[in-house]
Amino acid sequence: MSQWITVCQVSDITPGTGVCALVSDAQVALFRPYPDDRIFALSNIDPFAHASVLSRGLIAEHNGALWIVSPLKKQRFRLTDGLCAEDTAYSVRSFAVKVTDGMVSVSAVPQ
């Protein structure tokens, strides 16, 4: 069973951007693609650069899926599950997200 941590309001995340939140001991990047209120959560650590930067990446659509493009080395990570398009061995953890009454909660346990 997941432990849910409430981290912010949906309105705290500007559409088309990401923010970072501390969920238990993990840095989690939360993304809100433009123009809707869906929220995705991935580890904030870029596995290629070993830096906490994915929340600063650009959201892009490719082949019908949404991806975050790392601001450092430009690898793409799928927002739904953290799969790395360039090398699956470097995929990042994803976290379940729920929105209740405009509040964003993240599972403390990665998927």
PDB file of N, CA and C in Angstrom:
ATOM      1  N   MET A   1       0.838  -1.183   0.000  1.00  0.00           N
ATOM      2  CA  MET A   1       0.000   0.000   0.000  1.00  0.00           C
ATOM      3  C   MET A   1       0.883   1.246   0.000  1.00  0.00           C
ATOM      4  N   SER A   2       0.512   2.215  -0.806  1.00  0.00           N
ATOM      5  CA  SER A   2       1.298   3.438  -0.946  1.00  0.00           C
ATOM      6  C   SER A   2       1.020   4.421   0.172  1.00  0.00           C
ATOM      7  N   GLN A   3       2.048   5.132   0.550  1.00  0.00           N
ATOM      8  CA  GLN A   3       1.894   6.267   1.441  1.00  0.00           C
ATOM      9  C   GLN A   3       1.896   7.494   0.547  1.00  0.00           C
ATOM     10  N   TRP A   4       0.864   8.326   0.641  1.00  0.00           N
ATOM     11  CA  TRP A   4       0.740   9.503  -0.211  1.00  0.00           C
ATOM     12  C   TRP A   4       1.212  10.732   0.536  1.00  0.00           C
ATOM     13  N   ILE A   5       2.032  11.526  -0.130  1.00  0.00           N
ATOM     14  CA  ILE A   5       2.556  12.766   0.435  1.00  0.00           C
ATOM     15  C   ILE A   5       1.984  13.925  -0.386  1.00  0.00           C
ATOM     16  N   THR A   6       1.265  14.835   0.261  1.00  0.00           N
ATOM     17  CA  THR A   6       0.746  16.016  -0.427  1.00  0.00           C
ATOM     18  C   THR A   6       1.878  17.021  -0.543  1.00  0.00           C
ATOM     19  N   VAL A   7       2.127  17.484  -1.800  1.00  0.00           N
ATOM     20  CA  VAL A   7       3.297  18.335  -2.020  1.00  0.00           C
ATOM     21  C   VAL A   7       2.971  19.758  -2.449  1.00  0.00           C
ATOM     22  N   CYS A   8       1.850  19.971  -3.146  1.00  0.00           N
ATOM     23  CA  CYS A   8       1.528  21.314  -3.609  1.00  0.00           C
ATOM     24  C   CYS A   8       0.130  21.339  -4.208  1.00  0.00           C
ATOM     25  N   GLN A   9      -0.277  22.509  -4.662  1.00  0.00           N
ATOM     26  CA  GLN A   9      -1.511  22.649  -5.418  1.00  0.00           C
ATOM     27  C   GLN A   9      -1.175  22.552  -6.901  1.00  0.00           C
ATOM     28  N   VAL A  10      -2.121  22.073  -7.699  1.00  0.00           N
ATOM     29  CA  VAL A  10      -1.914  22.028  -9.147  1.00  0.00           C
ATOM     30  C   VAL A  10      -1.533  23.416  -9.649  1.00  0.00           C
ATOM     31  N   SER A  11      -2.178  24.439  -9.126  1.00  0.00           N
ATOM     32  CA  SER A  11      -1.919  25.813  -9.582  1.00  0.00           C
ATOM     33  C   SER A  11      -0.507  26.300  -9.261  1.00  0.00           C
ATOM     34  N   ASP A  12       0.220  25.590  -8.390  1.00  0.00           N
ATOM     35  CA  ASP A  12       1.609  25.951  -8.090  1.00  0.00           C
ATOM     36  C   ASP A  12       2.567  25.566  -9.216  1.00  0.00           C
ATOM     37  N   ILE A  13       2.098  24.727 -10.138  1.00  0.00           N
ATOM     38  CA  ILE A  13       2.936  24.276 -11.249  1.00  0.00           C
ATOM     39  C   ILE A  13       2.438  24.952 -12.520  1.00  0.00           C
ATOM     40  N   THR A  14       3.214  25.842 -13.062  1.00  0.00           N
ATOM     41  CA  THR A  14       2.847  26.546 -14.288  1.00  0.00           C
ATOM     42  C   THR A  14       2.710  25.536 -15.421  1.00  0.00           C
ATOM     43  N   PRO A  15       1.610  25.600 -16.191  1.00  0.00           N
ATOM     44  CA  PRO A  15       1.462  24.665 -17.313  1.00  0.00           C
ATOM     45  C   PRO A  15       2.665  24.718 -18.256  1.00  0.00           C
ATOM     46  N   GLY A  16       3.122  23.532 -18.662  1.00  0.00           N
ATOM     47  CA  GLY A  16       4.255  23.431 -19.562  1.00  0.00           C
ATOM     48  C   GLY A  16       5.601  23.401 -18.863  1.00  0.00           C
ATOM     49  N   THR A  17       5.585  23.281 -17.522  1.00  0.00           N
ATOM     50  CA  THR A  17       6.844  23.293 -16.774  1.00  0.00           C
ATOM     51  C   THR A  17       6.879  22.177 -15.740  1.00  0.00           C
ATOM     52  N   GLY A  18       7.998  22.121 -15.021  1.00  0.00           N
ATOM     53  CA  GLY A  18       8.164  21.184 -13.927  1.00  0.00           C
ATOM     54  C   GLY A  18       8.652  21.898 -12.683  1.00  0.00           C
ATOM     55  N   VAL A  19       8.483  21.243 -11.553  1.00  0.00           N
ATOM     56  CA  VAL A  19       9.000  21.722 -10.269  1.00  0.00           C
ATOM     57  C   VAL A  19       9.574  20.512  -9.534  1.00  0.00           C
ATOM     58  N   CYS A  20      10.369  20.776  -8.529  1.00  0.00           N
ATOM     59  CA  CYS A  20      10.945  19.701  -7.731  1.00  0.00           C
ATOM     60  C   CYS A  20      10.313  19.708  -6.344  1.00  0.00           C
ATOM     61  N   ALA A  21      10.082  18.514  -5.810  1.00  0.00           N
ATOM     62  CA  ALA A  21       9.539  18.366  -4.460  1.00  0.00           C
ATOM     63  C   ALA A  21      10.307  17.256  -3.750  1.00  0.00           C
ATOM     64  N   LEU A  22      10.394  17.355  -2.448  1.00  0.00           N
ATOM     65  CA  LEU A  22      11.014  16.310  -1.646  1.00  0.00           C
ATOM     66  C   LEU A  22       9.904  15.388  -1.156  1.00  0.00           C
ATOM     67  N   VAL A  23       9.952  14.128  -1.575  1.00  0.00           N
ATOM     68  CA  VAL A  23       8.953  13.130  -1.195  1.00  0.00           C
ATOM     69  C   VAL A  23       9.688  12.051  -0.418  1.00  0.00           C
ATOM     70  N   SER A  24       9.435  11.990   0.883  1.00  0.00           N
ATOM     71  CA  SER A  24      10.242  11.166   1.793  1.00  0.00           C
ATOM     72  C   SER A  24      11.684  11.622   1.628  1.00  0.00           C
ATOM     73  N   ASP A  25      12.580  10.761   1.162  1.00  0.00           N
ATOM     74  CA  ASP A  25      13.976  11.154   0.977  1.00  0.00           C
ATOM     75  C   ASP A  25      14.346  11.332  -0.490  1.00  0.00           C
ATOM     76  N   ALA A  26      13.355  11.331  -1.368  1.00  0.00           N
ATOM     77  CA  ALA A  26      13.630  11.380  -2.807  1.00  0.00           C
ATOM     78  C   ALA A  26      13.288  12.750  -3.392  1.00  0.00           C
ATOM     79  N   GLN A  27      14.160  13.229  -4.284  1.00  0.00           N
ATOM     80  CA  GLN A  27      13.839  14.425  -5.066  1.00  0.00           C
ATOM     81  C   GLN A  27      12.965  13.966  -6.232  1.00  0.00           C
ATOM     82  N   VAL A  28      11.772  14.504  -6.301  1.00  0.00           N
ATOM     83  CA  VAL A  28      10.822  14.111  -7.334  1.00  0.00           C
ATOM     84  C   VAL A  28      10.499  15.328  -8.194  1.00  0.00           C
ATOM     85  N   ALA A  29      10.606  15.148  -9.510  1.00  0.00           N
ATOM     86  CA  ALA A  29      10.253  16.201 -10.460  1.00  0.00           C
ATOM     87  C   ALA A  29       8.789  16.019 -10.850  1.00  0.00           C
ATOM     88  N   LEU A  30       7.991  17.073 -10.673  1.00  0.00           N
ATOM     89  CA  LEU A  30       6.569  17.053 -11.039  1.00  0.00           C
ATOM     90  C   LEU A  30       6.399  17.879 -12.298  1.00  0.00           C
ATOM     91  N   PHE A  31       5.670  17.328 -13.267  1.00  0.00           N
ATOM     92  CA  PHE A  31       5.485  17.998 -14.551  1.00  0.00           C
ATOM     93  C   PHE A  31       4.008  18.183 -14.837  1.00  0.00           C
ATOM     94  N   ARG A  32       3.668  19.352 -15.358  1.00  0.00           N
ATOM     95  CA  ARG A  32       2.293  19.674 -15.755  1.00  0.00           C
ATOM     96  C   ARG A  32       2.321  20.102 -17.220  1.00  0.00           C
ATOM     97  N   PRO A  33       2.050  19.147 -18.126  1.00  0.00           N
ATOM     98  CA  PRO A  33       2.052  19.506 -19.554  1.00  0.00           C
ATOM     99  C   PRO A  33       0.974  20.532 -19.850  1.00  0.00           C
ATOM    100  N   TYR A  34       1.258  21.365 -20.805  1.00  0.00           N
ATOM    101  CA  TYR A  34       0.291  22.378 -21.224  1.00  0.00           C
ATOM    102  C   TYR A  34      -0.713  21.717 -22.147  1.00  0.00           C
ATOM    103  N   PRO A  35      -1.975  21.981 -22.117  1.00  0.00           N
ATOM    104  CA  PRO A  35      -2.688  22.969 -21.318  1.00  0.00           C
ATOM    105  C   PRO A  35      -3.553  22.354 -20.219  1.00  0.00           C
ATOM    106  N   ASP A  36      -3.342  21.080 -19.885  1.00  0.00           N
ATOM    107  CA  ASP A  36      -4.271  20.424 -18.955  1.00  0.00           C
ATOM    108  C   ASP A  36      -3.711  20.347 -17.542  1.00  0.00           C
ATOM    109  N   ASP A  37      -4.445  19.667 -16.670  1.00  0.00           N
ATOM    110  CA  ASP A  37      -4.064  19.578 -15.271  1.00  0.00           C
ATOM    111  C   ASP A  37      -3.484  18.219 -14.897  1.00  0.00           C
ATOM    112  N   ARG A  38      -3.097  17.405 -15.895  1.00  0.00           N
ATOM    113  CA  ARG A  38      -2.444  16.140 -15.563  1.00  0.00           C
ATOM    114  C   ARG A  38      -1.080  16.447 -14.952  1.00  0.00           C
ATOM    115  N   ILE A  39      -0.696  15.633 -13.979  1.00  0.00           N
ATOM    116  CA  ILE A  39       0.597  15.785 -13.330  1.00  0.00           C
ATOM    117  C   ILE A  39       1.337  14.452 -13.428  1.00  0.00           C
ATOM    118  N   PHE A  40       2.607  14.517 -13.776  1.00  0.00           N
ATOM    119  CA  PHE A  40       3.463  13.337 -13.850  1.00  0.00           C
ATOM    120  C   PHE A  40       4.614  13.528 -12.877  1.00  0.00           C
ATOM    121  N   ALA A  41       5.143  12.422 -12.345  1.00  0.00           N
ATOM    122  CA  ALA A  41       6.239  12.507 -11.382  1.00  0.00           C
ATOM    123  C   ALA A  41       7.331  11.496 -11.730  1.00  0.00           C
ATOM    124  N   LEU A  42       8.553  11.997 -11.825  1.00  0.00           N
ATOM    125  CA  LEU A  42       9.737  11.180 -12.081  1.00  0.00           C
ATOM    126  C   LEU A  42      10.825  11.571 -11.093  1.00  0.00           C
ATOM    127  N   SER A  43      11.815  10.712 -10.962  1.00  0.00           N
ATOM    128  CA  SER A  43      12.991  11.093 -10.183  1.00  0.00           C
ATOM    129  C   SER A  43      13.573  12.361 -10.802  1.00  0.00           C
ATOM    130  N   ASN A  44      14.063  13.247  -9.973  1.00  0.00           N
ATOM    131  CA  ASN A  44      14.650  14.496 -10.461  1.00  0.00           C
ATOM    132  C   ASN A  44      16.119  14.331 -10.866  1.00  0.00           C
ATOM    133  N   ILE A  45      16.696  13.163 -10.626  1.00  0.00           N
ATOM    134  CA  ILE A  45      18.120  12.945 -10.871  1.00  0.00           C
ATOM    135  C   ILE A  45      18.349  12.484 -12.312  1.00  0.00           C
ATOM    136  N   ASP A  46      19.120  13.262 -13.056  1.00  0.00           N
ATOM    137  CA  ASP A  46      19.519  12.874 -14.412  1.00  0.00           C
ATOM    138  C   ASP A  46      20.583  11.782 -14.262  1.00  0.00           C
ATOM    139  N   PRO A  47      20.287  10.553 -14.734  1.00  0.00           N
ATOM    140  CA  PRO A  47      21.231   9.458 -14.523  1.00  0.00           C
ATOM    141  C   PRO A  47      22.499   9.560 -15.373  1.00  0.00           C
ATOM    142  N   PHE A  48      22.498  10.380 -16.388  1.00  0.00           N
ATOM    143  CA  PHE A  48      23.695  10.549 -17.214  1.00  0.00           C
ATOM    144  C   PHE A  48      24.652  11.550 -16.571  1.00  0.00           C
ATOM    145  N   ALA A  49      24.121  12.637 -16.042  1.00  0.00           N
ATOM    146  CA  ALA A  49      24.950  13.694 -15.453  1.00  0.00           C
ATOM    147  C   ALA A  49      25.049  13.580 -13.937  1.00  0.00           C
ATOM    148  N   HIS A  50      24.221  12.717 -13.327  1.00  0.00           N
ATOM    149  CA  HIS A  50      24.190  12.559 -11.868  1.00  0.00           C
ATOM    150  C   HIS A  50      23.912  13.902 -11.188  1.00  0.00           C
ATOM    151  N   ALA A  51      22.977  14.645 -11.764  1.00  0.00           N
ATOM    152  CA  ALA A  51      22.626  15.966 -11.240  1.00  0.00           C
ATOM    153  C   ALA A  51      21.116  16.066 -11.060  1.00  0.00           C
ATOM    154  N   SER A  52      20.698  16.886 -10.122  1.00  0.00           N
ATOM    155  CA  SER A  52      19.274  17.076  -9.807  1.00  0.00           C
ATOM    156  C   SER A  52      18.685  18.158 -10.706  1.00  0.00           C
ATOM    157  N   VAL A  53      18.377  17.801 -11.965  1.00  0.00           N
ATOM    158  CA  VAL A  53      17.992  18.827 -12.927  1.00  0.00           C
ATOM    159  C   VAL A  53      16.765  18.510 -13.791  1.00  0.00           C
ATOM    160  N   LEU A  54      16.227  17.304 -13.720  1.00  0.00           N
ATOM    161  CA  LEU A  54      15.158  16.965 -14.663  1.00  0.00           C
ATOM    162  C   LEU A  54      13.943  17.878 -14.539  1.00  0.00           C
ATOM    163  N   SER A  55      13.671  18.413 -13.349  1.00  0.00           N
ATOM    164  CA  SER A  55      12.519  19.314 -13.196  1.00  0.00           C
ATOM    165  C   SER A  55      12.682  20.590 -14.021  1.00  0.00           C
ATOM    166  N   ARG A  56      13.897  20.888 -14.464  1.00  0.00           N
ATOM    167  CA  ARG A  56      14.162  22.075 -15.280  1.00  0.00           C
ATOM    168  C   ARG A  56      14.153  21.783 -16.779  1.00  0.00           C
ATOM    169  N   GLY A  57      13.873  20.530 -17.124  1.00  0.00           N
ATOM    170  CA  GLY A  57      13.886  20.134 -18.524  1.00  0.00           C
ATOM    171  C   GLY A  57      12.681  20.658 -19.294  1.00  0.00           C
ATOM    172  N   LEU A  58      12.709  20.422 -20.592  1.00  0.00           N
ATOM    173  CA  LEU A  58      11.626  20.846 -21.469  1.00  0.00           C
ATOM    174  C   LEU A  58      10.690  19.675 -21.738  1.00  0.00           C
ATOM    175  N   ILE A  59       9.390  19.937 -21.665  1.00  0.00           N
ATOM    176  CA  ILE A  59       8.399  18.918 -21.991  1.00  0.00           C
ATOM    177  C   ILE A  59       8.218  18.914 -23.504  1.00  0.00           C
ATOM    178  N   ALA A  60       8.300  17.730 -24.085  1.00  0.00           N
ATOM    179  CA  ALA A  60       8.177  17.603 -25.543  1.00  0.00           C
ATOM    180  C   ALA A  60       7.254  16.435 -25.871  1.00  0.00           C
ATOM    181  N   GLU A  61       6.595  16.526 -27.016  1.00  0.00           N
ATOM    182  CA  GLU A  61       5.774  15.419 -27.499  1.00  0.00           C
ATOM    183  C   GLU A  61       6.514  14.762 -28.658  1.00  0.00           C
ATOM    184  N   HIS A  62       6.555  13.431 -28.637  1.00  0.00           N
ATOM    185  CA  HIS A  62       7.212  12.680 -29.708  1.00  0.00           C
ATOM    186  C   HIS A  62       6.482  11.349 -29.879  1.00  0.00           C
ATOM    187  N   ASN A  63       6.033  11.067 -31.106  1.00  0.00           N
ATOM    188  CA  ASN A  63       5.298   9.838 -31.408  1.00  0.00           C
ATOM    189  C   ASN A  63       4.106   9.621 -30.483  1.00  0.00           C
ATOM    190  N   GLY A  64       3.402  10.695 -30.155  1.00  0.00           N
ATOM    191  CA  GLY A  64       2.199  10.599 -29.337  1.00  0.00           C
ATOM    192  C   GLY A  64       2.425  10.471 -27.847  1.00  0.00           C
ATOM    193  N   ALA A  65       3.667  10.497 -27.400  1.00  0.00           N
ATOM    194  CA  ALA A  65       3.971  10.409 -25.969  1.00  0.00           C
ATOM    195  C   ALA A  65       4.609  11.708 -25.501  1.00  0.00           C
ATOM    196  N   LEU A  66       4.482  11.984 -24.200  1.00  0.00           N
ATOM    197  CA  LEU A  66       5.115  13.158 -23.596  1.00  0.00           C
ATOM    198  C   LEU A  66       6.429  12.750 -22.951  1.00  0.00           C
ATOM    199  N   TRP A  67       7.449  13.578 -23.161  1.00  0.00           N
ATOM    200  CA  TRP A  67       8.792  13.305 -22.666  1.00  0.00           C
ATOM    201  C   TRP A  67       9.336  14.543 -21.963  1.00  0.00           C
ATOM    202  N   ILE A  68      10.260  14.334 -21.036  1.00  0.00           N
ATOM    203  CA  ILE A  68      11.024  15.437 -20.483  1.00  0.00           C
ATOM    204  C   ILE A  68      12.425  15.324 -21.081  1.00  0.00           C
ATOM    205  N   VAL A  69      12.930  16.431 -21.580  1.00  0.00           N
ATOM    206  CA  VAL A  69      14.264  16.467 -22.184  1.00  0.00           C
ATOM    207  C   VAL A  69      15.217  17.069 -21.155  1.00  0.00           C
ATOM    208  N   SER A  70      16.216  16.308 -20.784  1.00  0.00           N
ATOM    209  CA  SER A  70      17.167  16.780 -19.782  1.00  0.00           C
ATOM    210  C   SER A  70      17.829  18.074 -20.241  1.00  0.00           C
ATOM    211  N   PRO A  71      17.947  19.059 -19.344  1.00  0.00           N
ATOM    212  CA  PRO A  71      18.584  20.319 -19.729  1.00  0.00           C
ATOM    213  C   PRO A  71      20.104  20.198 -19.905  1.00  0.00           C
ATOM    214  N   LEU A  72      20.700  19.100 -19.460  1.00  0.00           N
ATOM    215  CA  LEU A  72      22.153  18.975 -19.551  1.00  0.00           C
ATOM    216  C   LEU A  72      22.611  18.234 -20.799  1.00  0.00           C
ATOM    217  N   LYS A  73      22.228  16.992 -20.923  1.00  0.00           N
ATOM    218  CA  LYS A  73      22.742  16.185 -22.036  1.00  0.00           C
ATOM    219  C   LYS A  73      21.664  15.819 -23.047  1.00  0.00           C
ATOM    220  N   LYS A  74      20.460  16.336 -22.841  1.00  0.00           N
ATOM    221  CA  LYS A  74      19.353  16.270 -23.809  1.00  0.00           C
ATOM    222  C   LYS A  74      18.734  14.884 -24.004  1.00  0.00           C
ATOM    223  N   GLN A  75      18.986  13.921 -23.105  1.00  0.00           N
ATOM    224  CA  GLN A  75      18.287  12.647 -23.202  1.00  0.00           C
ATOM    225  C   GLN A  75      16.814  12.859 -22.857  1.00  0.00           C
ATOM    226  N   ARG A  76      15.965  11.998 -23.423  1.00  0.00           N
ATOM    227  CA  ARG A  76      14.519  12.097 -23.202  1.00  0.00           C
ATOM    228  C   ARG A  76      14.039  10.980 -22.284  1.00  0.00           C
ATOM    229  N   PHE A  77      13.162  11.351 -21.347  1.00  0.00           N
ATOM    230  CA  PHE A  77      12.564  10.409 -20.416  1.00  0.00           C
ATOM    231  C   PHE A  77      11.041  10.527 -20.535  1.00  0.00           C
ATOM    232  N   ARG A  78      10.372   9.389 -20.780  1.00  0.00           N
ATOM    233  CA  ARG A  78       8.924   9.410 -20.960  1.00  0.00           C
ATOM    234  C   ARG A  78       8.236   9.733 -19.641  1.00  0.00           C
ATOM    235  N   LEU A  79       7.316  10.680 -19.676  1.00  0.00           N
ATOM    236  CA  LEU A  79       6.668  11.133 -18.448  1.00  0.00           C
ATOM    237  C   LEU A  79       5.816  10.060 -17.789  1.00  0.00           C
ATOM    238  N   THR A  80       5.257   9.150 -18.542  1.00  0.00           N
ATOM    239  CA  THR A  80       4.365   8.149 -17.948  1.00  0.00           C
ATOM    240  C   THR A  80       5.092   7.087 -17.141  1.00  0.00           C
ATOM    241  N   ASP A  81       6.364   6.791 -17.497  1.00  0.00           N
ATOM    242  CA  ASP A  81       7.044   5.690 -16.808  1.00  0.00           C
ATOM    243  C   ASP A  81       8.550   5.868 -16.623  1.00  0.00           C
ATOM    244  N   GLY A  82       9.127   6.980 -17.078  1.00  0.00           N
ATOM    245  CA  GLY A  82      10.552   7.246 -16.891  1.00  0.00           C
ATOM    246  C   GLY A  82      11.481   6.562 -17.882  1.00  0.00           C
ATOM    247  N   LEU A  83      10.931   5.875 -18.888  1.00  0.00           N
ATOM    248  CA  LEU A  83      11.754   5.193 -19.881  1.00  0.00           C
ATOM    249  C   LEU A  83      12.660   6.188 -20.602  1.00  0.00           C
ATOM    250  N   CYS A  84      13.939   5.840 -20.718  1.00  0.00           N
ATOM    251  CA  CYS A  84      14.886   6.680 -21.445  1.00  0.00           C
ATOM    252  C   CYS A  84      14.870   6.273 -22.906  1.00  0.00           C
ATOM    253  N   ALA A  85      14.614   7.220 -23.798  1.00  0.00           N
ATOM    254  CA  ALA A  85      14.519   6.935 -25.230  1.00  0.00           C
ATOM    255  C   ALA A  85      15.878   6.558 -25.814  1.00  0.00           C
ATOM    256  N   GLU A  86      16.939   7.112 -25.276  1.00  0.00           N
ATOM    257  CA  GLU A  86      18.265   6.888 -25.842  1.00  0.00           C
ATOM    258  C   GLU A  86      18.925   5.609 -25.327  1.00  0.00           C
ATOM    259  N   ASP A  87      18.649   5.229 -24.082  1.00  0.00           N
ATOM    260  CA  ASP A  87      19.265   4.041 -23.489  1.00  0.00           C
ATOM    261  C   ASP A  87      18.408   3.582 -22.317  1.00  0.00           C
ATOM    262  N   THR A  88      17.667   2.505 -22.495  1.00  0.00           N
ATOM    263  CA  THR A  88      16.730   2.044 -21.457  1.00  0.00           C
ATOM    264  C   THR A  88      17.428   1.678 -20.150  1.00  0.00           C
ATOM    265  N   ALA A  89      18.717   1.401 -20.186  1.00  0.00           N
ATOM    266  CA  ALA A  89      19.462   1.104 -18.956  1.00  0.00           C
ATOM    267  C   ALA A  89      19.530   2.318 -18.040  1.00  0.00           C
ATOM    268  N   TYR A  90      19.266   3.508 -18.576  1.00  0.00           N
ATOM    269  CA  TYR A  90      19.321   4.747 -17.800  1.00  0.00           C
ATOM    270  C   TYR A  90      17.936   5.335 -17.514  1.00  0.00           C
ATOM    271  N   SER A  91      16.906   4.524 -17.607  1.00  0.00           N
ATOM    272  CA  SER A  91      15.554   5.000 -17.292  1.00  0.00           C
ATOM    273  C   SER A  91      15.507   5.460 -15.838  1.00  0.00           C
ATOM    274  N   VAL A  92      14.578   6.380 -15.534  1.00  0.00           N
ATOM    275  CA  VAL A  92      14.452   6.908 -14.174  1.00  0.00           C
ATOM    276  C   VAL A  92      13.174   6.387 -13.525  1.00  0.00           C
ATOM    277  N   ARG A  93      13.143   6.429 -12.210  1.00  0.00           N
ATOM    278  CA  ARG A  93      11.969   5.969 -11.465  1.00  0.00           C
ATOM    279  C   ARG A  93      10.797   6.907 -11.708  1.00  0.00           C
ATOM    280  N   SER A  94       9.613   6.322 -11.764  1.00  0.00           N
ATOM    281  CA  SER A  94       8.392   7.123 -11.844  1.00  0.00           C
ATOM    282  C   SER A  94       7.607   6.922 -10.557  1.00  0.00           C
ATOM    283  N   PHE A  95       6.751   7.872 -10.257  1.00  0.00           N
ATOM    284  CA  PHE A  95       5.953   7.851  -9.040  1.00  0.00           C
ATOM    285  C   PHE A  95       4.492   8.068  -9.405  1.00  0.00           C
ATOM    286  N   ALA A  96       3.602   7.370  -8.724  1.00  0.00           N
ATOM    287  CA  ALA A  96       2.171   7.582  -8.920  1.00  0.00           C
ATOM    288  C   ALA A  96       1.790   8.947  -8.356  1.00  0.00           C
ATOM    289  N   VAL A  97       0.850   9.591  -9.021  1.00  0.00           N
ATOM    290  CA  VAL A  97       0.378  10.919  -8.624  1.00  0.00           C
ATOM    291  C   VAL A  97      -1.136  10.892  -8.579  1.00  0.00           C
ATOM    292  N   LYS A  98      -1.700  11.587  -7.614  1.00  0.00           N
ATOM    293  CA  LYS A  98      -3.150  11.791  -7.611  1.00  0.00           C
ATOM    294  C   LYS A  98      -3.427  13.244  -7.270  1.00  0.00           C
ATOM    295  N   VAL A  99      -4.503  13.745  -7.857  1.00  0.00           N
ATOM    296  CA  VAL A  99      -4.932  15.117  -7.597  1.00  0.00           C
ATOM    297  C   VAL A  99      -6.312  15.049  -6.978  1.00  0.00           C
ATOM    298  N   THR A 100      -6.445  15.622  -5.799  1.00  0.00           N
ATOM    299  CA  THR A 100      -7.711  15.639  -5.078  1.00  0.00           C
ATOM    300  C   THR A 100      -8.001  17.069  -4.657  1.00  0.00           C
ATOM    301  N   ASP A 101      -9.124  17.589  -5.119  1.00  0.00           N
ATOM    302  CA  ASP A 101      -9.521  18.965  -4.780  1.00  0.00           C
ATOM    303  C   ASP A 101      -8.400  19.964  -5.070  1.00  0.00           C
ATOM    304  N   GLY A 102      -7.697  19.765  -6.181  1.00  0.00           N
ATOM    305  CA  GLY A 102      -6.644  20.689  -6.588  1.00  0.00           C
ATOM    306  C   GLY A 102      -5.312  20.511  -5.900  1.00  0.00           C
ATOM    307  N   MET A 103      -5.212  19.508  -5.016  1.00  0.00           N
ATOM    308  CA  MET A 103      -3.956  19.249  -4.307  1.00  0.00           C
ATOM    309  C   MET A 103      -3.251  18.041  -4.935  1.00  0.00           C
ATOM    310  N   VAL A 104      -1.943  18.166  -5.141  1.00  0.00           N
ATOM    311  CA  VAL A 104      -1.139  17.108  -5.760  1.00  0.00           C
ATOM    312  C   VAL A 104      -0.506  16.274  -4.665  1.00  0.00           C
ATOM    313  N   SER A 105      -0.733  14.950  -4.733  1.00  0.00           N
ATOM    314  CA  SER A 105      -0.101  14.006  -3.808  1.00  0.00           C
ATOM    315  C   SER A 105       0.710  13.013  -4.634  1.00  0.00           C
ATOM    316  N   VAL A 106       1.871  12.631  -4.093  1.00  0.00           N
ATOM    317  CA  VAL A 106       2.784  11.705  -4.760  1.00  0.00           C
ATOM    318  C   VAL A 106       2.989  10.495  -3.859  1.00  0.00           C
ATOM    319  N   SER A 107       3.000   9.304  -4.472  1.00  0.00           N
ATOM    320  CA  SER A 107       3.278   8.101  -3.716  1.00  0.00           C
ATOM    321  C   SER A 107       4.731   8.129  -3.240  1.00  0.00           C
ATOM    322  N   ALA A 108       4.951   7.781  -1.985  1.00  0.00           N
ATOM    323  CA  ALA A 108       6.310   7.749  -1.447  1.00  0.00           C
ATOM    324  C   ALA A 108       7.086   6.546  -1.958  1.00  0.00           C
ATOM    325  N   VAL A 109       6.388   5.629  -2.630  1.00  0.00           N
ATOM    326  CA  VAL A 109       7.018   4.415  -3.159  1.00  0.00           C
ATOM    327  C   VAL A 109       7.050   4.502  -4.676  1.00  0.00           C
ATOM    328  N   PRO A 110       8.241   4.438  -5.298  1.00  0.00           N
ATOM    329  CA  PRO A 110       8.311   4.496  -6.763  1.00  0.00           C
ATOM    330  C   PRO A 110       7.569   3.322  -7.386  1.00  0.00           C
ATOM    331  N   GLN A 111       7.139   3.515  -8.630  1.00  0.00           N
ATOM    332  CA  GLN A 111       6.448   2.437  -9.350  1.00  0.00           C
ATOM    333  C   GLN A 111       7.436   1.460  -9.913  1.00  0.00           C
TER     334      GLN A 111
END
